Protein backbone atom coordinates (compact mmCIF):
# COMPACT_ATOMS: atom_id res chain seq x y z
CA UNK A 1 0.00 0.00 0.00
CA UNK A 2 2.83 2.39 0.83
CA UNK A 3 4.40 1.67 -2.54
CA UNK A 4 1.23 2.78 -4.32
CA UNK A 5 1.24 6.06 -2.39
CA UNK A 6 4.90 6.66 -3.25
CA UNK A 7 4.23 5.98 -6.93
CA UNK A 8 1.20 8.32 -6.88
CA UNK A 9 3.19 11.13 -5.24
CA UNK A 10 6.06 10.70 -7.72
CA UNK A 11 3.59 10.78 -10.60
CA UNK A 12 2.16 14.08 -9.37
CA UNK A 13 5.65 15.55 -8.91
CA UNK A 14 6.69 14.50 -12.42
CA UNK A 15 3.47 15.92 -13.87
CA UNK A 16 4.06 19.28 -12.17
CA UNK A 17 7.70 19.31 -13.32
CA UNK A 18 6.78 18.52 -16.93
CA UNK A 19 4.07 21.16 -16.84
CA UNK A 20 6.63 23.75 -15.73
CA UNK A 21 8.97 22.74 -18.54
CA UNK A 22 6.19 22.91 -21.11
CA UNK A 23 5.15 26.44 -20.13
CA UNK A 24 8.66 27.78 -20.85
CA UNK A 25 8.62 27.64 -24.66
CA UNK A 26 5.25 29.40 -24.82
CA UNK A 27 6.84 32.38 -23.08
CA UNK A 28 9.65 32.44 -25.65
CA UNK A 29 7.14 32.27 -28.50
CA UNK A 30 5.27 35.18 -26.95
CA UNK A 31 8.47 37.26 -26.92
CA UNK A 32 9.18 36.36 -30.54
CA UNK A 33 5.65 37.37 -31.53
CA UNK A 34 6.17 40.74 -29.85
CA UNK A 35 9.49 41.32 -31.62
CA UNK A 36 7.94 40.40 -34.96
CA UNK A 37 5.01 42.78 -34.35
CA UNK A 38 7.41 45.64 -33.59
CA UNK A 39 9.34 44.88 -36.79
CA UNK A 40 6.12 44.93 -38.81
CA UNK A 41 5.14 48.29 -37.29
CA UNK A 42 8.58 49.67 -38.19
CA UNK A 43 8.19 48.44 -41.76
CA UNK A 44 4.75 50.09 -41.96
CA UNK A 45 6.21 53.40 -40.76
CA UNK A 46 9.01 53.18 -43.32
CA UNK A 47 6.54 52.51 -46.13
CA UNK A 48 4.43 55.45 -44.92
CA UNK A 49 7.49 57.70 -44.91
CA UNK A 50 8.33 56.61 -48.45
CA UNK A 51 4.85 57.51 -49.65
CA UNK A 52 4.58 60.81 -47.75
CA UNK A 53 7.75 62.80 -48.30
CA UNK A 54 9.84 61.10 -45.58
CA UNK A 55 7.42 62.23 -42.84
CA UNK A 56 5.99 59.99 -40.16
CA UNK A 57 2.19 59.87 -39.64
CA UNK A 58 2.53 62.17 -36.62
CA UNK A 59 4.10 64.83 -38.87
CA UNK A 60 1.34 64.80 -41.50
CA UNK A 61 -1.96 66.70 -40.95
CA UNK A 62 -5.15 64.67 -40.54
CA UNK A 63 -6.53 66.33 -43.69
CA UNK A 64 -3.76 64.61 -45.65
CA UNK A 65 -4.22 61.23 -43.96
CA UNK A 66 -1.79 61.69 -41.09
CA UNK A 67 -2.29 61.85 -37.34
CA UNK A 68 -1.14 65.39 -36.51
PDB file of N, CA and C in Angstrom:
ATOM      1  N   UNK A   1       0.825  -1.201   0.000  1.00  0.00           N
ATOM      2  CA  UNK A   1       0.000   0.000   0.000  1.00  0.00           C
ATOM      3  C   UNK A   1       0.867   1.261   0.000  1.00  0.00           C
ATOM      4  N   UNK A   2       1.952   1.220   0.786  1.00  0.00           N
ATOM      5  CA  UNK A   2       2.831   2.387   0.827  1.00  0.00           C
ATOM      6  C   UNK A   2       3.506   2.617  -0.525  1.00  0.00           C
ATOM      7  N   UNK A   3       3.786   1.553  -1.223  1.00  0.00           N
ATOM      8  CA  UNK A   3       4.402   1.666  -2.544  1.00  0.00           C
ATOM      9  C   UNK A   3       3.489   2.374  -3.531  1.00  0.00           C
ATOM     10  N   UNK A   4       2.203   2.127  -3.440  1.00  0.00           N
ATOM     11  CA  UNK A   4       1.232   2.775  -4.323  1.00  0.00           C
ATOM     12  C   UNK A   4       1.192   4.274  -4.034  1.00  0.00           C
ATOM     13  N   UNK A   5       1.251   4.646  -2.777  1.00  0.00           N
ATOM     14  CA  UNK A   5       1.235   6.061  -2.392  1.00  0.00           C
ATOM     15  C   UNK A   5       2.496   6.753  -2.903  1.00  0.00           C
ATOM     16  N   UNK A   6       3.643   6.098  -2.776  1.00  0.00           N
ATOM     17  CA  UNK A   6       4.901   6.664  -3.254  1.00  0.00           C
ATOM     18  C   UNK A   6       4.842   6.858  -4.769  1.00  0.00           C
ATOM     19  N   UNK A   7       4.340   5.873  -5.478  1.00  0.00           N
ATOM     20  CA  UNK A   7       4.230   5.985  -6.932  1.00  0.00           C
ATOM     21  C   UNK A   7       3.273   7.112  -7.304  1.00  0.00           C
ATOM     22  N   UNK A   8       2.167   7.256  -6.599  1.00  0.00           N
ATOM     23  CA  UNK A   8       1.202   8.315  -6.881  1.00  0.00           C
ATOM     24  C   UNK A   8       1.819   9.690  -6.639  1.00  0.00           C
ATOM     25  N   UNK A   9       2.545   9.845  -5.550  1.00  0.00           N
ATOM     26  CA  UNK A   9       3.185  11.127  -5.241  1.00  0.00           C
ATOM     27  C   UNK A   9       4.241  11.444  -6.294  1.00  0.00           C
ATOM     28  N   UNK A  10       5.047  10.475  -6.685  1.00  0.00           N
ATOM     29  CA  UNK A  10       6.060  10.697  -7.716  1.00  0.00           C
ATOM     30  C   UNK A  10       5.420  11.072  -9.047  1.00  0.00           C
ATOM     31  N   UNK A  11       4.293  10.456  -9.362  1.00  0.00           N
ATOM     32  CA  UNK A  11       3.589  10.780 -10.600  1.00  0.00           C
ATOM     33  C   UNK A  11       3.126  12.231 -10.591  1.00  0.00           C
ATOM     34  N   UNK A  12       2.603  12.690  -9.480  1.00  0.00           N
ATOM     35  CA  UNK A  12       2.162  14.079  -9.370  1.00  0.00           C
ATOM     36  C   UNK A  12       3.353  15.026  -9.491  1.00  0.00           C
ATOM     37  N   UNK A  13       4.462  14.698  -8.847  1.00  0.00           N
ATOM     38  CA  UNK A  13       5.651  15.550  -8.910  1.00  0.00           C
ATOM     39  C   UNK A  13       6.172  15.629 -10.338  1.00  0.00           C
ATOM     40  N   UNK A  14       6.226  14.513 -11.031  1.00  0.00           N
ATOM     41  CA  UNK A  14       6.694  14.500 -12.422  1.00  0.00           C
ATOM     42  C   UNK A  14       5.733  15.297 -13.305  1.00  0.00           C
ATOM     43  N   UNK A  15       4.443  15.175 -13.078  1.00  0.00           N
ATOM     44  CA  UNK A  15       3.465  15.924 -13.870  1.00  0.00           C
ATOM     45  C   UNK A  15       3.638  17.424 -13.668  1.00  0.00           C
ATOM     46  N   UNK A  16       3.853  17.857 -12.443  1.00  0.00           N
ATOM     47  CA  UNK A  16       4.062  19.284 -12.170  1.00  0.00           C
ATOM     48  C   UNK A  16       5.360  19.749 -12.819  1.00  0.00           C
ATOM     49  N   UNK A  17       6.407  18.956 -12.729  1.00  0.00           N
ATOM     50  CA  UNK A  17       7.699  19.311 -13.318  1.00  0.00           C
ATOM     51  C   UNK A  17       7.595  19.426 -14.834  1.00  0.00           C
ATOM     52  N   UNK A  18       6.946  18.468 -15.475  1.00  0.00           N
ATOM     53  CA  UNK A  18       6.780  18.517 -16.930  1.00  0.00           C
ATOM     54  C   UNK A  18       5.902  19.692 -17.352  1.00  0.00           C
ATOM     55  N   UNK A  19       4.919  20.009 -16.549  1.00  0.00           N
ATOM     56  CA  UNK A  19       4.071  21.158 -16.845  1.00  0.00           C
ATOM     57  C   UNK A  19       4.882  22.451 -16.803  1.00  0.00           C
ATOM     58  N   UNK A  20       5.779  22.564 -15.835  1.00  0.00           N
ATOM     59  CA  UNK A  20       6.627  23.754 -15.733  1.00  0.00           C
ATOM     60  C   UNK A  20       7.567  23.845 -16.931  1.00  0.00           C
ATOM     61  N   UNK A  21       8.086  22.736 -17.372  1.00  0.00           N
ATOM     62  CA  UNK A  21       8.966  22.737 -18.538  1.00  0.00           C
ATOM     63  C   UNK A  21       8.206  23.100 -19.801  1.00  0.00           C
ATOM     64  N   UNK A  22       6.977  22.659 -19.909  1.00  0.00           N
ATOM     65  CA  UNK A  22       6.190  22.912 -21.107  1.00  0.00           C
ATOM     66  C   UNK A  22       5.774  24.373 -21.213  1.00  0.00           C
ATOM     67  N   UNK A  23       5.585  25.052 -20.079  1.00  0.00           N
ATOM     68  CA  UNK A  23       5.150  26.442 -20.129  1.00  0.00           C
ATOM     69  C   UNK A  23       6.274  27.372 -20.561  1.00  0.00           C
ATOM     70  N   UNK A  24       7.526  26.955 -20.468  1.00  0.00           N
ATOM     71  CA  UNK A  24       8.658  27.783 -20.847  1.00  0.00           C
ATOM     72  C   UNK A  24       8.662  28.189 -22.309  1.00  0.00           C
ATOM     73  N   UNK A  25       8.570  27.266 -23.235  1.00  0.00           N
ATOM     74  CA  UNK A  25       8.624  27.635 -24.658  1.00  0.00           C
ATOM     75  C   UNK A  25       7.501  28.568 -25.088  1.00  0.00           C
ATOM     76  N   UNK A  26       6.339  28.488 -24.460  1.00  0.00           N
ATOM     77  CA  UNK A  26       5.249  29.404 -24.817  1.00  0.00           C
ATOM     78  C   UNK A  26       5.640  30.841 -24.508  1.00  0.00           C
ATOM     79  N   UNK A  27       6.388  31.036 -23.434  1.00  0.00           N
ATOM     80  CA  UNK A  27       6.840  32.385 -23.076  1.00  0.00           C
ATOM     81  C   UNK A  27       7.821  32.902 -24.125  1.00  0.00           C
ATOM     82  N   UNK A  28       8.686  32.040 -24.616  1.00  0.00           N
ATOM     83  CA  UNK A  28       9.646  32.437 -25.646  1.00  0.00           C
ATOM     84  C   UNK A  28       8.909  32.781 -26.932  1.00  0.00           C
ATOM     85  N   UNK A  29       7.918  31.999 -27.297  1.00  0.00           N
ATOM     86  CA  UNK A  29       7.137  32.269 -28.500  1.00  0.00           C
ATOM     87  C   UNK A  29       6.436  33.611 -28.365  1.00  0.00           C
ATOM     88  N   UNK A  30       5.933  33.903 -27.181  1.00  0.00           N
ATOM     89  CA  UNK A  30       5.268  35.181 -26.952  1.00  0.00           C
ATOM     90  C   UNK A  30       6.230  36.348 -27.180  1.00  0.00           C
ATOM     91  N   UNK A  31       7.475  36.215 -26.708  1.00  0.00           N
ATOM     92  CA  UNK A  31       8.472  37.264 -26.920  1.00  0.00           C
ATOM     93  C   UNK A  31       8.774  37.414 -28.405  1.00  0.00           C
ATOM     94  N   UNK A  32       8.888  36.299 -29.110  1.00  0.00           N
ATOM     95  CA  UNK A  32       9.180  36.361 -30.542  1.00  0.00           C
ATOM     96  C   UNK A  32       8.030  37.012 -31.300  1.00  0.00           C
ATOM     97  N   UNK A  33       6.801  36.728 -30.902  1.00  0.00           N
ATOM     98  CA  UNK A  33       5.649  37.370 -31.534  1.00  0.00           C
ATOM     99  C   UNK A  33       5.698  38.879 -31.331  1.00  0.00           C
ATOM    100  N   UNK A  34       6.082  39.303 -30.138  1.00  0.00           N
ATOM    101  CA  UNK A  34       6.167  40.735 -29.848  1.00  0.00           C
ATOM    102  C   UNK A  34       7.242  41.394 -30.712  1.00  0.00           C
ATOM    103  N   UNK A  35       8.403  40.762 -30.805  1.00  0.00           N
ATOM    104  CA  UNK A  35       9.489  41.318 -31.615  1.00  0.00           C
ATOM    105  C   UNK A  35       9.057  41.416 -33.073  1.00  0.00           C
ATOM    106  N   UNK A  36       8.394  40.389 -33.568  1.00  0.00           N
ATOM    107  CA  UNK A  36       7.936  40.403 -34.959  1.00  0.00           C
ATOM    108  C   UNK A  36       6.890  41.506 -35.182  1.00  0.00           C
ATOM    109  N   UNK A  37       6.007  41.714 -34.212  1.00  0.00           N
ATOM    110  CA  UNK A  37       5.012  42.780 -34.350  1.00  0.00           C
ATOM    111  C   UNK A  37       5.677  44.149 -34.410  1.00  0.00           C
ATOM    112  N   UNK A  38       6.698  44.367 -33.576  1.00  0.00           N
ATOM    113  CA  UNK A  38       7.412  45.643 -33.586  1.00  0.00           C
ATOM    114  C   UNK A  38       8.113  45.843 -34.927  1.00  0.00           C
ATOM    115  N   UNK A  39       8.684  44.780 -35.476  1.00  0.00           N
ATOM    116  CA  UNK A  39       9.340  44.880 -36.785  1.00  0.00           C
ATOM    117  C   UNK A  39       8.335  45.233 -37.875  1.00  0.00           C
ATOM    118  N   UNK A  40       7.151  44.640 -37.818  1.00  0.00           N
ATOM    119  CA  UNK A  40       6.123  44.933 -38.811  1.00  0.00           C
ATOM    120  C   UNK A  40       5.648  46.382 -38.703  1.00  0.00           C
ATOM    121  N   UNK A  41       5.531  46.889 -37.473  1.00  0.00           N
ATOM    122  CA  UNK A  41       5.143  48.290 -37.288  1.00  0.00           C
ATOM    123  C   UNK A  41       6.215  49.201 -37.873  1.00  0.00           C
ATOM    124  N   UNK A  42       7.486  48.864 -37.633  1.00  0.00           N
ATOM    125  CA  UNK A  42       8.581  49.666 -38.185  1.00  0.00           C
ATOM    126  C   UNK A  42       8.543  49.670 -39.715  1.00  0.00           C
ATOM    127  N   UNK A  43       8.283  48.520 -40.302  1.00  0.00           N
ATOM    128  CA  UNK A  43       8.192  48.443 -41.765  1.00  0.00           C
ATOM    129  C   UNK A  43       7.032  49.303 -42.267  1.00  0.00           C
ATOM    130  N   UNK A  44       5.909  49.273 -41.558  1.00  0.00           N
ATOM    131  CA  UNK A  44       4.755  50.086 -41.960  1.00  0.00           C
ATOM    132  C   UNK A  44       5.088  51.572 -41.904  1.00  0.00           C
ATOM    133  N   UNK A  45       5.802  51.994 -40.856  1.00  0.00           N
ATOM    134  CA  UNK A  45       6.208  53.395 -40.761  1.00  0.00           C
ATOM    135  C   UNK A  45       7.147  53.767 -41.903  1.00  0.00           C
ATOM    136  N   UNK A  46       8.073  52.886 -42.241  1.00  0.00           N
ATOM    137  CA  UNK A  46       9.014  53.180 -43.323  1.00  0.00           C
ATOM    138  C   UNK A  46       8.296  53.293 -44.668  1.00  0.00           C
ATOM    139  N   UNK A  47       7.318  52.422 -44.889  1.00  0.00           N
ATOM    140  CA  UNK A  47       6.539  52.506 -46.129  1.00  0.00           C
ATOM    141  C   UNK A  47       5.760  53.816 -46.157  1.00  0.00           C
ATOM    142  N   UNK A  48       5.163  54.187 -45.016  1.00  0.00           N
ATOM    143  CA  UNK A  48       4.427  55.452 -44.919  1.00  0.00           C
ATOM    144  C   UNK A  48       5.344  56.619 -45.257  1.00  0.00           C
ATOM    145  N   UNK A  49       6.541  56.612 -44.663  1.00  0.00           N
ATOM    146  CA  UNK A  49       7.490  57.695 -44.912  1.00  0.00           C
ATOM    147  C   UNK A  49       7.842  57.778 -46.389  1.00  0.00           C
ATOM    148  N   UNK A  50       8.002  56.630 -47.030  1.00  0.00           N
ATOM    149  CA  UNK A  50       8.325  56.612 -48.449  1.00  0.00           C
ATOM    150  C   UNK A  50       7.217  57.198 -49.311  1.00  0.00           C
ATOM    151  N   UNK A  51       5.987  57.016 -48.886  1.00  0.00           N
ATOM    152  CA  UNK A  51       4.852  57.507 -49.650  1.00  0.00           C
ATOM    153  C   UNK A  51       4.473  58.949 -49.319  1.00  0.00           C
ATOM    154  N   UNK A  52       5.008  59.495 -48.228  1.00  0.00           N
ATOM    155  CA  UNK A  52       4.575  60.810 -47.754  1.00  0.00           C
ATOM    156  C   UNK A  52       5.744  61.765 -47.492  1.00  0.00           C
ATOM    157  N   UNK A  53       6.673  61.818 -48.391  1.00  0.00           N
ATOM    158  CA  UNK A  53       7.750  62.805 -48.298  1.00  0.00           C
ATOM    159  C   UNK A  53       8.655  62.627 -47.095  1.00  0.00           C
ATOM    160  N   UNK A  54       8.959  61.407 -46.723  1.00  0.00           N
ATOM    161  CA  UNK A  54       9.836  61.101 -45.583  1.00  0.00           C
ATOM    162  C   UNK A  54       9.341  61.697 -44.265  1.00  0.00           C
ATOM    163  N   UNK A  55       8.018  61.758 -44.094  1.00  0.00           N
ATOM    164  CA  UNK A  55       7.422  62.231 -42.842  1.00  0.00           C
ATOM    165  C   UNK A  55       6.642  61.092 -42.204  1.00  0.00           C
ATOM    166  N   UNK A  56       6.745  60.998 -40.893  1.00  0.00           N
ATOM    167  CA  UNK A  56       5.987  59.986 -40.156  1.00  0.00           C
ATOM    168  C   UNK A  56       4.525  60.425 -40.050  1.00  0.00           C
ATOM    169  N   UNK A  57       3.613  59.504 -39.728  1.00  0.00           N
ATOM    170  CA  UNK A  57       2.190  59.867 -39.638  1.00  0.00           C
ATOM    171  C   UNK A  57       1.922  61.014 -38.661  1.00  0.00           C
ATOM    172  N   UNK A  58       2.733  61.118 -37.606  1.00  0.00           N
ATOM    173  CA  UNK A  58       2.532  62.175 -36.622  1.00  0.00           C
ATOM    174  C   UNK A  58       2.931  63.541 -37.168  1.00  0.00           C
ATOM    175  N   UNK A  59       3.652  63.568 -38.280  1.00  0.00           N
ATOM    176  CA  UNK A  59       4.104  64.833 -38.868  1.00  0.00           C
ATOM    177  C   UNK A  59       3.213  65.300 -40.027  1.00  0.00           C
ATOM    178  N   UNK A  60       2.219  64.485 -40.373  1.00  0.00           N
ATOM    179  CA  UNK A  60       1.340  64.796 -41.505  1.00  0.00           C
ATOM    180  C   UNK A  60      -0.040  65.194 -40.944  1.00  0.00           C
ATOM    181  N   UNK A  61      -0.636  66.281 -41.435  1.00  0.00           N
ATOM    182  CA  UNK A  61      -1.960  66.699 -40.948  1.00  0.00           C
ATOM    183  C   UNK A  61      -3.033  65.645 -41.227  1.00  0.00           C
ATOM    184  N   UNK A  62      -4.042  65.628 -40.392  1.00  0.00           N
ATOM    185  CA  UNK A  62      -5.146  64.673 -40.544  1.00  0.00           C
ATOM    186  C   UNK A  62      -5.810  64.840 -41.909  1.00  0.00           C
ATOM    187  N   UNK A  63      -5.890  66.071 -42.396  1.00  0.00           N
ATOM    188  CA  UNK A  63      -6.531  66.326 -43.692  1.00  0.00           C
ATOM    189  C   UNK A  63      -5.801  65.610 -44.833  1.00  0.00           C
ATOM    190  N   UNK A  64      -4.525  65.321 -44.624  1.00  0.00           N
ATOM    191  CA  UNK A  64      -3.758  64.614 -45.649  1.00  0.00           C
ATOM    192  C   UNK A  64      -3.561  63.137 -45.319  1.00  0.00           C
ATOM    193  N   UNK A  65      -4.283  62.644 -44.311  1.00  0.00           N
ATOM    194  CA  UNK A  65      -4.224  61.234 -43.964  1.00  0.00           C
ATOM    195  C   UNK A  65      -3.286  60.902 -42.818  1.00  0.00           C
ATOM    196  N   UNK A  66      -2.712  61.912 -42.189  1.00  0.00           N
ATOM    197  CA  UNK A  66      -1.789  61.687 -41.089  1.00  0.00           C
ATOM    198  C   UNK A  66      -2.503  61.678 -39.748  1.00  0.00           C
ATOM    199  N   UNK A  67      -1.729  61.882 -38.688  1.00  0.00           N
ATOM    200  CA  UNK A  67      -2.285  61.850 -37.339  1.00  0.00           C
ATOM    201  C   UNK A  67      -1.982  63.114 -36.546  1.00  0.00           C
ATOM    202  N   UNK A  68      -1.532  64.176 -37.223  1.00  0.00           N
ATOM    203  CA  UNK A  68      -1.145  65.390 -36.510  1.00  0.00           C
ATOM    204  C   UNK A  68      -2.363  66.181 -36.086  1.00  0.00           C
TER     205      UNK A  68
END
